[in-house]
Structures are given as structure tokens and as C-alpha cells.
Amino acid sequence: MTAAAGSAAEGFEQAYGYAPEGVWAAPGRVNLIGEYTDVNEGHVLPIALPQCTRVAAAARTDGVLRLRSRRAEGTAELPLTALTPGAVQGWAAYPAGVAWALREAGLPVGGADVYVESDVPAGAGLSSSAALEVATALALTELHGAACGRPALARLAQRAENAFVGVPCGVMDQTASACCTAGHALHLDTRDLALRQLPFDLAAHGLRLLVVDTRVRHALADGAYAARRAGCEAAARALGVRALRDVPHEELEAALGRLADAALRPLVRHVVSEGERVREVTALLAAGEPRAAGPLLTAGHASLRDDFAVSCPELDLAVAVANGAGALGARMTGAGFGGSALALVEEGAADAVGEAVTAAFAAAGHRPPRVFAAVAGGGARRVPRGDLG
């Protein structure tokens, strides 16, 4: 963390010619279970990753937002008064959208010079965009003395992505990045933002959680994500409920029978059954039995693959091979169409599972995956000055 934060501060100074006022970090996330439940006002169960996006920043008094990134060429220089949805393209739309959303909410946020570094893999289904939004939001509010609690900050970061960038994501990613606690999974009710921190110390149980980044990149703005969200909303209207979370699991079959549009039935079946899986995994973690969650992860993948149709060959291969090599359970994580899978494994089998997946990708002619162990990290924070080197 020290070297990375120091690198962000150095990058800022090289970009702008003076030292930043501070560095703020926000993590990516892995969602254990609860995919597409957040856009249906349901429950989710993510953990924060150690990988973070770091924003080095300093306030400006002229109402201008200047944005630089280690991953991109050039500087975006944007007057805050000119920020409107659709006006900014590319990566800069995310931090610009945050500034817009904060100001639209009445928070006294002014201009800033911003420099961004990140080790959260982009497009891997690990919430790199949410990490950027939350780090930017925390930096801007603290630079300008704008009080904003973490759940509210997450909501505003989500609004930036929804209304400014144009991606109709739920609030899970931003809330996980803003609110997770190290060593815990976050049980989140996305309707009322009720939070519950559940102990998630897999090492104490002789377990590891492996993440398999397939390196198949997705773009959620391409319409597939939006189409599924729209389908869920249409199904909720047809069933006469506010959102699909309001369909009880024990009434799922009856609800499916009431849907005249057969194309909506698989969407409903996934969302309602996934909500039940979140409930069951939450109970297992609360009881100190994470090992028993494995089959629920695998069932979740089958539902995402067959009912929600958001998997891809690389994700299916990673899940199948991990399970065949001894994983307790595995599934895709994130919105799909590429990105990452996760596997719950016995600590002693972690290397064998990772090697089996890598070998299978090579045999299939896919790009080599990136496999790493995920440990539940903490949420967004300002980096202490002593850690800047």
C-alpha cells in the first residue's frame, strides 16, 4: 500500500508540477453470491479486494476539474459548470460524473486536479469503475469539506454511473467499495442499504477463495446488461410487485406460471433463486460454516449461464475445471460476458486448481488467465501521509 500510494503521489507531482493534498484509495470487489439481485432491490454478499484505485488530488478554486490517469494519455480539463450527462467520453466520464452527481445533490464540491492509478483489472468484473468513482467521491468531498456518509456517497457514485456515464448498474459495487470491512463479507440489502458485516476469515477454516480473471473484457454499456435489467423490470410489472425481490422463493413456480411472456421466466427464475442462495450463504457464514457454501456457488453459476445467459465459454471452462480439480464450488462473478470467476478451495488444493485452470485455457487456445487468491480487504479510505513515502 505504501509504495502504491507513494507512486500515485509521485504521478500527480509529475503531471501537475506540485504535490497533492492527499491520496484516497478505494478497492475493487468480488461478489461471493447475489448476481443481478442488486438491480432487483435484493440482497448481495460481496467482499472488498486488496487491489485498489488510488486518486491523488488537490483542490482548485477556479471551478475546473483536471483529470490525468496513468493508463491514458493526455489531460481532460473540464469546467464543472459544463458537466452534463453524455458530455464526457472514455475513462474521464467516471470521475467527471462523480463531480456532477455530488454537485447535483447540493454538496459544495469545487474544482480539483486529479491523478489516477489502479491495480484493479479493468473489465474483469471486479468493479474497477466503482473503485474509481468511490475514490474520486471521497477525495472531492474531503478536499472541499462536504460531509457525506458512506452509504450516501455510494448512492451518488452509482448515480454518476447510471445518469452520467449511461450504465444502469445497481448500487452493490459502489457500496462494497465504500463500506466493506477487512476480514468480513458485506451483506447488503440494496433496497434500504442496511449493512451487516459477516466474518470471512477463510484461512482460519483452511480455505482460500481463488479469482480467475479470464482476460475476456466486457463493456456493460453495449446494451446486454441494460436489456436484462429492463426484462426484470417488465417481469416485476407483470407480476404486480415493486421489484423481483418481492417474489417469495416458495412462490416462484406459481409466479412463473402467471407470466404470459415466456422470455421473462428465466430472468425471474434466476433472480428469485439467487436471492435464496444469498440467504443460505449468509446463514452459513454467520454460523461459521463457509465450506458448505461451495455447492451454492456452483448452482449460482448454472443459473447465470442457463437462465440469465450472461456467461461465456471461458467462464464456463474456468468453473468446470476448477470444480473438476477439487474446488468446493465455483461460479462467475460480476455482470458476465467475460470477466472473472471465483472458486472456493481447500488451502492445500489451491495451487492444483489454479494450475488445472491455466492448463485448460492453454489447451483450448484461450489467453492465459490471471489466478490469484482474494482476501477480504477494507473499504475506501484516505491514505495516511506516513504511507506516501
Protein backbone atom coordinates (compact mmCIF):
# COMPACT_ATOMS: atom_id res chain seq x y z
CA MET A 1 0.00 0.00 0.00
CA THR A 2 2.84 2.40 0.90
CA ALA A 3 4.65 2.04 -2.41
CA ALA A 4 1.45 2.21 -4.45
CA ALA A 5 0.17 5.31 -2.66
CA GLY A 6 3.57 6.94 -3.00
CA SER A 7 3.52 6.17 -6.70
CA ALA A 8 0.17 7.93 -7.07
CA ALA A 9 1.53 10.99 -5.27
CA GLU A 10 4.61 11.00 -7.47
CA GLY A 11 2.48 10.62 -10.59
CA PHE A 12 0.42 13.62 -9.51
CA GLU A 13 3.52 15.74 -8.98
CA GLN A 14 4.93 14.77 -12.36
CA ALA A 15 1.60 15.54 -14.04
CA TYR A 16 0.87 18.88 -12.38
CA GLY A 17 4.19 20.15 -11.07
CA TYR A 18 3.29 20.28 -7.37
CA ALA A 19 2.43 17.87 -4.55
CA PRO A 20 -1.14 16.63 -3.99
CA GLU A 21 -3.06 17.43 -0.83
CA GLY A 22 -3.68 13.75 -0.30
CA VAL A 23 -4.22 10.29 -1.76
CA TRP A 24 -7.50 8.39 -1.46
CA ALA A 25 -7.89 4.67 -2.17
CA ALA A 26 -10.97 2.57 -2.94
CA PRO A 27 -10.97 -1.19 -3.57
CA GLY A 28 -12.42 -3.38 -6.25
CA ARG A 29 -14.71 -6.17 -5.13
CA VAL A 30 -15.58 -9.82 -5.63
CA ASN A 31 -19.21 -10.76 -5.18
CA LEU A 32 -19.49 -14.09 -3.38
CA ILE A 33 -23.13 -14.58 -4.33
CA GLY A 34 -26.04 -12.41 -5.43
CA GLU A 35 -25.61 -11.58 -9.11
CA TYR A 36 -28.20 -9.28 -10.67
CA THR A 37 -30.08 -9.21 -7.39
CA ASP A 38 -28.92 -5.64 -6.73
CA VAL A 39 -30.75 -4.28 -9.78
CA ASN A 40 -33.86 -6.00 -8.41
CA GLU A 41 -33.62 -4.36 -4.95
CA GLY A 42 -32.41 -7.62 -3.44
CA HIS A 43 -29.56 -8.82 -1.23
CA VAL A 44 -25.90 -9.28 -2.16
CA LEU A 45 -22.78 -10.58 -0.44
CA PRO A 46 -19.52 -9.03 -1.71
CA ILE A 47 -16.04 -8.66 -0.24
CA ALA A 48 -13.57 -5.88 -0.98
CA LEU A 49 -10.32 -6.81 -2.69
CA PRO A 50 -6.83 -5.69 -1.67
CA GLN A 51 -6.46 -4.23 -5.19
CA CYS A 52 -7.37 -0.55 -5.18
CA THR A 53 -7.76 2.53 -7.31
CA ARG A 54 -5.80 5.46 -5.88
CA VAL A 55 -6.68 9.09 -6.51
CA ALA A 56 -4.09 11.74 -5.71
CA ALA A 57 -5.77 15.12 -5.69
CA ALA A 58 -5.64 18.77 -4.73
CA ALA A 59 -8.41 21.35 -4.65
CA ARG A 60 -8.71 24.15 -7.20
CA THR A 61 -10.56 27.42 -6.71
CA ASP A 62 -11.42 28.14 -10.36
CA GLY A 63 -14.21 25.57 -10.83
CA VAL A 64 -12.13 23.40 -13.17
CA LEU A 65 -11.67 19.64 -12.88
CA ARG A 66 -8.41 18.38 -14.40
CA LEU A 67 -8.05 14.61 -14.81
CA ARG A 68 -4.99 12.50 -15.55
CA SER A 69 -4.55 8.72 -15.47
CA ARG A 70 -1.52 6.51 -15.55
CA ARG A 71 -3.42 4.28 -18.01
CA ALA A 72 -4.31 7.01 -20.51
CA GLU A 73 -2.62 9.76 -22.47
CA GLY A 74 -3.42 13.43 -22.09
CA THR A 75 -5.32 15.61 -19.64
CA ALA A 76 -9.07 16.16 -19.51
CA GLU A 77 -9.77 19.76 -18.43
CA LEU A 78 -13.45 20.24 -17.62
CA PRO A 79 -15.27 23.28 -16.21
CA LEU A 80 -17.65 21.98 -13.57
CA THR A 81 -20.45 24.18 -14.89
CA ALA A 82 -20.20 22.44 -18.27
CA LEU A 83 -20.63 18.90 -16.92
CA THR A 84 -23.75 17.28 -18.32
CA PRO A 85 -24.61 13.62 -18.95
CA GLY A 86 -23.07 12.41 -22.20
CA ALA A 87 -20.67 15.35 -22.47
CA VAL A 88 -17.55 13.40 -21.44
CA GLN A 89 -16.37 10.17 -23.06
CA GLY A 90 -13.91 7.45 -22.08
CA TRP A 91 -12.46 6.86 -18.63
CA ALA A 92 -12.76 10.54 -17.65
CA ALA A 93 -16.56 10.23 -17.68
CA TYR A 94 -16.43 8.30 -14.39
CA PRO A 95 -14.69 10.89 -12.19
CA ALA A 96 -16.39 13.73 -14.07
CA GLY A 97 -19.75 12.06 -13.43
CA VAL A 98 -18.96 11.85 -9.73
CA ALA A 99 -18.26 15.58 -9.55
CA TRP A 100 -21.53 16.21 -11.41
CA ALA A 101 -23.55 13.92 -9.12
CA LEU A 102 -22.11 15.44 -5.94
CA ARG A 103 -22.92 18.96 -7.12
CA GLU A 104 -26.39 17.93 -8.30
CA ALA A 105 -27.00 16.64 -4.77
CA GLY A 106 -26.17 20.09 -3.39
CA LEU A 107 -22.76 19.24 -1.95
CA PRO A 108 -20.28 22.15 -2.08
CA VAL A 109 -17.74 20.43 -4.29
CA GLY A 110 -15.40 22.60 -6.33
CA GLY A 111 -12.63 22.01 -8.82
CA ALA A 112 -9.62 19.76 -8.38
CA ASP A 113 -6.53 18.38 -10.02
CA VAL A 114 -6.79 14.59 -10.02
CA TYR A 115 -4.33 11.83 -10.88
CA VAL A 116 -5.48 8.19 -11.02
CA GLU A 117 -3.58 4.92 -10.63
CA SER A 118 -5.12 1.48 -10.21
CA ASP A 119 -4.22 -2.17 -9.86
CA VAL A 120 -7.86 -3.28 -10.13
CA PRO A 121 -8.03 -5.09 -13.50
CA ALA A 122 -10.27 -3.11 -15.85
CA GLY A 123 -13.15 -5.04 -17.44
CA ALA A 124 -12.56 -8.10 -15.26
CA GLY A 125 -15.88 -7.93 -13.41
CA LEU A 126 -14.07 -6.71 -10.28
CA SER A 127 -15.64 -3.24 -10.17
CA SER A 128 -12.79 -1.10 -11.42
CA SER A 129 -15.29 1.61 -12.37
CA ALA A 130 -16.87 1.67 -8.90
CA ALA A 131 -13.43 1.87 -7.28
CA LEU A 132 -12.61 4.91 -9.43
CA GLU A 133 -15.95 6.54 -8.63
CA VAL A 134 -15.73 5.98 -4.89
CA ALA A 135 -12.09 7.09 -4.60
CA THR A 136 -12.93 10.24 -6.55
CA ALA A 137 -16.03 10.93 -4.47
CA LEU A 138 -14.13 10.53 -1.22
CA ALA A 139 -11.32 12.78 -2.46
CA LEU A 140 -13.64 15.56 -3.67
CA THR A 141 -15.85 15.59 -0.59
CA GLU A 142 -12.90 15.65 1.81
CA LEU A 143 -10.97 18.26 -0.19
CA HIS A 144 -13.95 20.61 -0.12
CA GLY A 145 -15.26 19.78 3.36
CA ALA A 146 -18.53 18.30 2.08
CA ALA A 147 -20.00 15.93 4.67
CA CYS A 148 -21.34 12.72 3.15
CA GLY A 149 -21.83 9.35 4.85
CA ARG A 150 -20.51 6.25 3.15
CA PRO A 151 -23.86 4.74 2.02
CA ALA A 152 -24.95 8.11 0.63
CA LEU A 153 -21.60 8.53 -1.10
CA ALA A 154 -22.07 5.11 -2.71
CA ARG A 155 -25.53 6.11 -3.94
CA LEU A 156 -24.12 9.25 -5.55
CA ALA A 157 -21.32 7.27 -7.18
CA GLN A 158 -23.96 4.91 -8.57
CA ARG A 159 -25.93 7.89 -9.89
CA ALA A 160 -22.81 9.09 -11.68
CA GLU A 161 -22.52 5.75 -13.48
CA ASN A 162 -26.25 5.49 -14.20
CA ALA A 163 -27.08 9.02 -15.29
CA PHE A 164 -23.77 10.48 -16.45
CA VAL A 165 -21.89 7.50 -17.92
CA GLY A 166 -25.04 5.68 -19.03
CA VAL A 167 -24.56 2.26 -17.40
CA PRO A 168 -27.67 1.14 -15.44
CA CYS A 169 -25.72 -0.65 -12.69
CA GLY A 170 -27.03 -1.40 -9.23
CA VAL A 171 -25.55 0.01 -6.04
CA MET A 172 -23.67 -3.08 -4.84
CA ASP A 173 -20.29 -2.28 -6.38
CA GLN A 174 -20.07 1.26 -5.04
CA THR A 175 -21.34 0.24 -1.59
CA ALA A 176 -18.84 -2.60 -1.35
CA SER A 177 -16.01 -0.27 -2.32
CA ALA A 178 -17.13 2.37 0.17
CA CYS A 179 -18.33 0.28 3.12
CA CYS A 180 -16.60 -3.12 3.33
CA THR A 181 -14.60 -4.05 6.43
CA ALA A 182 -11.36 -6.03 6.31
CA GLY A 183 -11.85 -9.69 7.17
CA HIS A 184 -15.59 -9.55 6.51
CA ALA A 185 -18.15 -10.10 3.79
CA LEU A 186 -20.75 -7.37 3.43
CA HIS A 187 -24.39 -8.44 3.49
CA LEU A 188 -26.22 -5.58 1.80
CA ASP A 189 -29.92 -5.02 1.35
CA THR A 190 -29.87 -2.87 -1.78
CA ARG A 191 -33.38 -1.54 -1.13
CA ASP A 192 -32.69 0.25 2.13
CA LEU A 193 -28.86 -0.01 2.24
CA ALA A 194 -28.94 -1.94 5.52
CA LEU A 195 -25.45 -3.31 6.09
CA ARG A 196 -24.28 -6.35 8.02
CA GLN A 197 -20.63 -7.31 8.33
CA LEU A 198 -20.09 -11.10 8.43
CA PRO A 199 -16.77 -12.64 9.47
CA PHE A 200 -14.96 -14.01 6.41
CA ASP A 201 -11.65 -15.47 7.55
CA LEU A 202 -11.25 -18.38 5.17
CA ALA A 203 -7.69 -19.10 6.30
CA ALA A 204 -8.99 -19.95 9.76
CA HIS A 205 -11.09 -22.68 8.10
CA GLY A 206 -8.27 -23.95 5.89
CA LEU A 207 -9.84 -22.42 2.79
CA ARG A 208 -8.98 -19.98 0.02
CA LEU A 209 -11.04 -18.01 -2.44
CA LEU A 210 -9.40 -18.01 -5.87
CA VAL A 211 -10.25 -15.43 -8.50
CA VAL A 212 -9.77 -16.39 -12.15
CA ASP A 213 -9.55 -13.33 -14.38
CA THR A 214 -10.30 -14.80 -17.80
CA ARG A 215 -8.98 -11.65 -19.50
CA VAL A 216 -12.11 -11.62 -21.63
CA ARG A 217 -13.14 -7.98 -21.40
CA HIS A 218 -16.70 -6.76 -21.44
CA ALA A 219 -18.38 -3.40 -21.94
CA LEU A 220 -21.58 -3.11 -19.93
CA ALA A 221 -22.76 -0.14 -21.97
CA ASP A 222 -23.21 -2.39 -25.03
CA GLY A 223 -26.86 -2.99 -24.18
CA ALA A 224 -26.86 -6.61 -22.99
CA TYR A 225 -26.78 -5.63 -19.32
CA ALA A 226 -29.44 -2.97 -19.84
CA ALA A 227 -31.66 -5.42 -21.72
CA ARG A 228 -31.64 -7.87 -18.83
CA ARG A 229 -32.38 -5.17 -16.31
CA ALA A 230 -35.28 -3.97 -18.46
CA GLY A 231 -36.55 -7.55 -18.67
CA CYS A 232 -36.52 -7.86 -14.89
CA GLU A 233 -38.43 -4.61 -14.54
CA ALA A 234 -41.01 -5.78 -17.09
CA ALA A 235 -41.42 -9.05 -15.20
CA ALA A 236 -41.94 -7.21 -11.91
CA ARG A 237 -44.67 -5.08 -13.51
CA ALA A 238 -46.34 -8.17 -14.95
CA LEU A 239 -46.32 -9.83 -11.53
CA GLY A 240 -47.60 -6.72 -9.78
CA VAL A 241 -44.61 -6.27 -7.47
CA ARG A 242 -42.25 -3.33 -6.96
CA ALA A 243 -39.19 -5.49 -7.77
CA LEU A 244 -38.42 -9.16 -8.21
CA ARG A 245 -37.04 -9.36 -4.68
CA ASP A 246 -40.69 -9.22 -3.59
CA VAL A 247 -41.46 -12.60 -5.16
CA PRO A 248 -41.08 -15.18 -2.34
CA HIS A 249 -38.90 -18.15 -3.25
CA GLU A 250 -41.60 -20.58 -2.18
CA GLU A 251 -43.96 -18.92 -4.69
CA LEU A 252 -41.53 -18.98 -7.60
CA GLU A 253 -43.24 -21.66 -9.66
CA ALA A 254 -46.62 -20.02 -9.26
CA ALA A 255 -45.15 -16.69 -10.32
CA LEU A 256 -43.57 -18.22 -13.42
CA GLY A 257 -46.95 -19.66 -14.35
CA ARG A 258 -48.50 -16.19 -14.25
CA LEU A 259 -46.07 -14.74 -16.77
CA ALA A 260 -47.52 -14.67 -20.27
CA ASP A 261 -44.19 -13.69 -21.80
CA ALA A 262 -42.11 -16.87 -21.75
CA ALA A 263 -38.91 -14.89 -22.36
CA LEU A 264 -39.23 -13.31 -18.91
CA ARG A 265 -39.49 -16.59 -17.00
CA PRO A 266 -35.76 -17.47 -16.97
CA LEU A 267 -34.91 -13.99 -15.71
CA VAL A 268 -37.35 -14.32 -12.84
CA ARG A 269 -36.20 -17.85 -12.04
CA HIS A 270 -32.60 -16.67 -11.74
CA VAL A 271 -33.26 -13.57 -9.64
CA VAL A 272 -35.59 -15.28 -7.17
CA SER A 273 -33.44 -18.40 -6.78
CA GLU A 274 -30.29 -16.26 -6.48
CA GLY A 275 -31.91 -14.30 -3.69
CA GLU A 276 -32.49 -17.56 -1.86
CA ARG A 277 -28.84 -18.55 -2.40
CA VAL A 278 -27.74 -15.26 -0.84
CA ARG A 279 -29.90 -16.03 2.18
CA GLU A 280 -28.43 -19.51 2.52
CA VAL A 281 -24.78 -18.42 2.13
CA THR A 282 -25.33 -15.58 4.60
CA ALA A 283 -26.65 -18.08 7.16
CA LEU A 284 -23.66 -20.37 6.59
CA LEU A 285 -21.16 -17.56 7.11
CA ALA A 286 -22.97 -16.40 10.24
CA ALA A 287 -22.81 -19.98 11.55
CA GLY A 288 -19.08 -20.25 10.79
CA GLU A 289 -19.59 -22.84 8.04
CA PRO A 290 -18.16 -21.28 4.84
CA ARG A 291 -17.09 -24.67 3.48
CA ALA A 292 -20.74 -25.65 3.00
CA ALA A 293 -21.31 -22.70 0.65
CA GLY A 294 -19.48 -24.36 -2.25
CA PRO A 295 -22.46 -26.10 -3.91
CA LEU A 296 -24.47 -22.87 -3.74
CA LEU A 297 -21.76 -21.06 -5.71
CA THR A 298 -21.88 -23.72 -8.42
CA ALA A 299 -25.68 -23.61 -8.53
CA GLY A 300 -25.45 -19.84 -8.93
CA HIS A 301 -23.20 -20.23 -11.95
CA ALA A 302 -25.57 -22.68 -13.61
CA SER A 303 -28.40 -20.20 -13.10
CA LEU A 304 -26.39 -17.32 -14.58
CA ARG A 305 -25.32 -19.50 -17.51
CA ASP A 306 -28.63 -21.15 -18.34
CA ASP A 307 -31.35 -18.77 -17.16
CA PHE A 308 -29.75 -15.33 -17.29
CA ALA A 309 -27.45 -16.20 -20.23
CA VAL A 310 -24.58 -13.94 -19.17
CA SER A 311 -21.70 -16.43 -19.08
CA CYS A 312 -19.20 -17.19 -21.86
CA PRO A 313 -17.05 -20.19 -22.85
CA GLU A 314 -14.04 -19.02 -20.85
CA LEU A 315 -16.06 -18.55 -17.66
CA ASP A 316 -17.79 -21.92 -18.10
CA LEU A 317 -14.41 -23.59 -18.62
CA ALA A 318 -12.91 -21.97 -15.53
CA VAL A 319 -15.83 -23.10 -13.37
CA ALA A 320 -15.97 -26.65 -14.75
CA VAL A 321 -12.22 -27.23 -14.49
CA ALA A 322 -11.97 -25.72 -11.01
CA ASN A 323 -14.74 -27.98 -9.76
CA GLY A 324 -13.21 -30.97 -11.52
CA ALA A 325 -9.84 -30.23 -9.90
CA GLY A 326 -11.30 -30.31 -6.41
CA ALA A 327 -12.87 -26.90 -5.74
CA LEU A 328 -15.74 -26.95 -3.26
CA GLY A 329 -17.70 -24.72 -5.62
CA ALA A 330 -17.15 -22.12 -8.33
CA ARG A 331 -19.05 -19.53 -10.31
CA MET A 332 -18.69 -16.45 -12.47
CA THR A 333 -18.72 -13.18 -10.55
CA GLY A 334 -19.83 -9.79 -11.80
CA ALA A 335 -22.08 -8.95 -14.71
CA GLY A 336 -20.65 -11.59 -17.02
CA PHE A 337 -19.99 -11.62 -20.77
CA GLY A 338 -16.36 -12.17 -19.73
CA GLY A 339 -14.55 -11.02 -16.64
CA SER A 340 -13.81 -13.28 -13.69
CA ALA A 341 -14.83 -16.47 -11.94
CA LEU A 342 -14.22 -17.43 -8.34
CA ALA A 343 -13.57 -20.79 -6.74
CA LEU A 344 -13.80 -21.82 -3.09
CA VAL A 345 -10.99 -24.30 -2.46
CA GLU A 346 -9.24 -26.15 0.31
CA GLU A 347 -5.98 -24.35 1.06
CA GLY A 348 -3.94 -27.38 0.11
CA ALA A 349 -5.67 -27.68 -3.27
CA ALA A 350 -5.34 -24.03 -4.32
CA ASP A 351 -2.21 -24.45 -6.44
CA ALA A 352 -3.56 -27.55 -8.17
CA VAL A 353 -6.84 -25.84 -9.02
CA GLY A 354 -5.08 -22.77 -10.39
CA GLU A 355 -2.69 -24.89 -12.46
CA ALA A 356 -5.55 -27.00 -13.84
CA VAL A 357 -7.48 -23.92 -14.98
CA THR A 358 -4.37 -22.40 -16.57
CA ALA A 359 -3.61 -25.64 -18.41
CA ALA A 360 -7.19 -25.95 -19.63
CA PHE A 361 -7.11 -22.41 -21.02
CA ALA A 362 -3.89 -23.18 -22.88
CA ALA A 363 -5.35 -26.39 -24.32
CA ALA A 364 -8.44 -24.50 -25.50
CA GLY A 365 -6.37 -21.79 -27.15
CA HIS A 366 -7.51 -19.05 -24.75
CA ARG A 367 -5.33 -16.29 -23.36
CA PRO A 368 -3.62 -17.31 -20.09
CA PRO A 369 -5.88 -16.41 -17.16
CA ARG A 370 -4.71 -14.46 -14.15
CA VAL A 371 -5.34 -16.51 -10.99
CA PHE A 372 -4.95 -15.01 -7.53
CA ALA A 373 -6.25 -15.52 -4.01
CA ALA A 374 -8.78 -12.96 -2.75
CA VAL A 375 -8.60 -11.82 0.86
CA ALA A 376 -11.37 -9.65 2.26
CA GLY A 377 -9.97 -6.12 2.43
CA GLY A 378 -11.19 -2.82 3.80
CA GLY A 379 -13.27 -0.15 2.12
CA ALA A 380 -12.32 3.28 0.82
CA ARG A 381 -10.02 5.45 2.93
CA ARG A 382 -7.64 8.35 2.85
CA VAL A 383 -4.07 7.13 2.82
CA PRO A 384 -2.12 8.35 5.89
CA ARG A 385 0.62 10.80 4.98
CA GLY A 386 3.18 8.45 6.52
CA ASP A 387 2.30 5.86 3.84
CA LEU A 388 3.13 8.19 0.95
CA GLY A 389 6.87 7.59 1.24
